[in-house]
C-alpha atoms as a PDB file:
ATOM      1  CA  UNK A   1      21.772  38.573  -1.408  1.00  0.00           C
ATOM      2  CA  UNK A   2      18.760  37.041  -3.213  1.00  0.00           C
ATOM      3  CA  UNK A   3      15.276  37.968  -2.128  1.00  0.00           C
ATOM      4  CA  UNK A   4      12.865  35.272  -0.970  1.00  0.00           C
ATOM      5  CA  UNK A   5       9.934  34.607  -3.264  1.00  0.00           C
ATOM      6  CA  UNK A   6       6.507  35.517  -2.009  1.00  0.00           C
ATOM      7  CA  UNK A   7       4.214  32.556  -1.314  1.00  0.00           C
ATOM      8  CA  UNK A   8       1.607  33.900  -3.741  1.00  0.00           C
ATOM      9  CA  UNK A   9       3.983  33.696  -6.694  1.00  0.00           C
ATOM     10  CA  UNK A  10       4.843  30.012  -6.406  1.00  0.00           C
ATOM     11  CA  UNK A  11       1.504  28.647  -5.308  1.00  0.00           C
ATOM     12  CA  UNK A  12       0.313  25.479  -6.985  1.00  0.00           C
ATOM     13  CA  UNK A  13      -3.364  24.841  -7.650  1.00  0.00           C
ATOM     14  CA  UNK A  14      -5.004  23.059  -4.752  1.00  0.00           C
ATOM     15  CA  UNK A  15      -6.061  19.465  -5.293  1.00  0.00           C
ATOM     16  CA  UNK A  16      -9.349  18.043  -4.071  1.00  0.00           C
ATOM     17  CA  UNK A  17      -9.777  14.308  -3.486  1.00  0.00           C
ATOM     18  CA  UNK A  18     -13.101  12.788  -4.495  1.00  0.00           C
ATOM     19  CA  UNK A  19     -14.704  11.051  -1.518  1.00  0.00           C
ATOM     20  CA  UNK A  20     -16.743   8.628  -3.652  1.00  0.00           C
ATOM     21  CA  UNK A  21     -13.639   7.637  -5.614  1.00  0.00           C
ATOM     22  CA  UNK A  22     -11.790   7.004  -2.367  1.00  0.00           C
ATOM     23  CA  UNK A  23     -14.609   4.700  -1.238  1.00  0.00           C
ATOM     24  CA  UNK A  24     -14.429   2.834  -4.559  1.00  0.00           C
ATOM     25  CA  UNK A  25     -10.710   2.261  -4.058  1.00  0.00           C
ATOM     26  CA  UNK A  26     -11.221   0.975  -0.508  1.00  0.00           C
ATOM     27  CA  UNK A  27     -14.046  -1.363  -1.547  1.00  0.00           C
ATOM     28  CA  UNK A  28     -12.018  -2.745  -4.452  1.00  0.00           C
ATOM     29  CA  UNK A  29      -8.961  -3.329  -2.284  1.00  0.00           C
ATOM     30  CA  UNK A  30     -11.075  -5.091   0.350  1.00  0.00           C
ATOM     31  CA  UNK A  31     -12.604  -7.401  -2.247  1.00  0.00           C
ATOM     32  CA  UNK A  32      -9.201  -8.323  -3.584  1.00  0.00           C
ATOM     33  CA  UNK A  33      -7.600  -8.851  -0.174  1.00  0.00           C
ATOM     34  CA  UNK A  34     -10.453 -10.917   1.208  1.00  0.00           C
ATOM     35  CA  UNK A  35     -11.518 -13.037  -1.746  1.00  0.00           C
ATOM     36  CA  UNK A  36      -8.490 -13.437  -4.024  1.00  0.00           C
ATOM     37  CA  UNK A  37      -8.273 -17.053  -5.197  1.00  0.00           C
ATOM     38  CA  UNK A  38      -5.861 -19.210  -3.154  1.00  0.00           C
ATOM     39  CA  UNK A  39      -4.276 -16.246  -1.304  1.00  0.00           C
ATOM     40  CA  UNK A  40      -7.156 -14.177   0.087  1.00  0.00           C
ATOM     41  CA  UNK A  41      -7.698 -13.863   3.812  1.00  0.00           C
ATOM     42  CA  UNK A  42     -11.138 -15.505   3.758  1.00  0.00           C
ATOM     43  CA  UNK A  43      -9.909 -18.204   1.379  1.00  0.00           C
ATOM     44  CA  UNK A  44      -7.196 -19.161   3.848  1.00  0.00           C
ATOM     45  CA  UNK A  45      -9.755 -19.571   6.655  1.00  0.00           C
ATOM     46  CA  UNK A  46     -12.745 -21.022   4.807  1.00  0.00           C
ATOM     47  CA  UNK A  47     -13.324 -22.777   1.525  1.00  0.00           C
ATOM     48  CA  UNK A  48     -14.740 -20.269  -0.933  1.00  0.00           C
ATOM     49  CA  UNK A  49     -15.235 -21.670  -4.391  1.00  0.00           C
ATOM     50  CA  UNK A  50     -13.873 -20.323  -7.642  1.00  0.00           C
ATOM     51  CA  UNK A  51     -17.394 -19.308  -8.633  1.00  0.00           C
ATOM     52  CA  UNK A  52     -17.201 -16.498  -6.056  1.00  0.00           C
ATOM     53  CA  UNK A  53     -13.460 -15.799  -5.904  1.00  0.00           C
ATOM     54  CA  UNK A  54     -12.719 -14.944  -9.542  1.00  0.00           C
ATOM     55  CA  UNK A  55     -15.678 -12.594 -10.098  1.00  0.00           C
ATOM     56  CA  UNK A  56     -14.826 -10.851  -6.804  1.00  0.00           C
ATOM     57  CA  UNK A  57     -11.231 -10.411  -7.998  1.00  0.00           C
ATOM     58  CA  UNK A  58     -12.410  -8.967 -11.316  1.00  0.00           C
ATOM     59  CA  UNK A  59     -14.948  -6.685  -9.621  1.00  0.00           C
ATOM     60  CA  UNK A  60     -12.329  -5.481  -7.120  1.00  0.00           C
ATOM     61  CA  UNK A  61      -9.897  -4.707  -9.929  1.00  0.00           C
ATOM     62  CA  UNK A  62     -12.592  -2.811 -11.823  1.00  0.00           C
ATOM     63  CA  UNK A  63     -13.443  -0.780  -8.717  1.00  0.00           C
ATOM     64  CA  UNK A  64      -9.775   0.129  -8.306  1.00  0.00           C
ATOM     65  CA  UNK A  65      -9.537   1.273 -11.924  1.00  0.00           C
ATOM     66  CA  UNK A  66     -12.692   3.392 -11.713  1.00  0.00           C
ATOM     67  CA  UNK A  67     -11.650   4.810  -8.346  1.00  0.00           C
ATOM     68  CA  UNK A  68      -8.196   5.899  -9.486  1.00  0.00           C
ATOM     69  CA  UNK A  69      -9.502   7.318 -12.757  1.00  0.00           C
ATOM     70  CA  UNK A  70     -10.525  10.735 -11.374  1.00  0.00           C
ATOM     71  CA  UNK A  71      -9.362  10.599  -7.762  1.00  0.00           C
ATOM     72  CA  UNK A  72      -7.644  13.992  -7.800  1.00  0.00           C
ATOM     73  CA  UNK A  73      -9.492  17.088  -9.007  1.00  0.00           C
ATOM     74  CA  UNK A  74      -8.218  20.626  -9.365  1.00  0.00           C
ATOM     75  CA  UNK A  75     -10.075  23.356  -7.552  1.00  0.00           C
END
């Protein structure tokens, strides 16, 4: 019968999630969901012009990219 491996032999390095990066991802997703042109939640309730909607969409996308860049860090 085969022996069970010890937990110390197969341990993977622990991963740490960056709190600031997580906040960047949440802020970017909120900007996109609220102010996306023609489909955002606030755009469906109120008229928000393209002068605000498109830069908010671009800024939200940039925040998502920067947030996901180094979200996971090895300990």
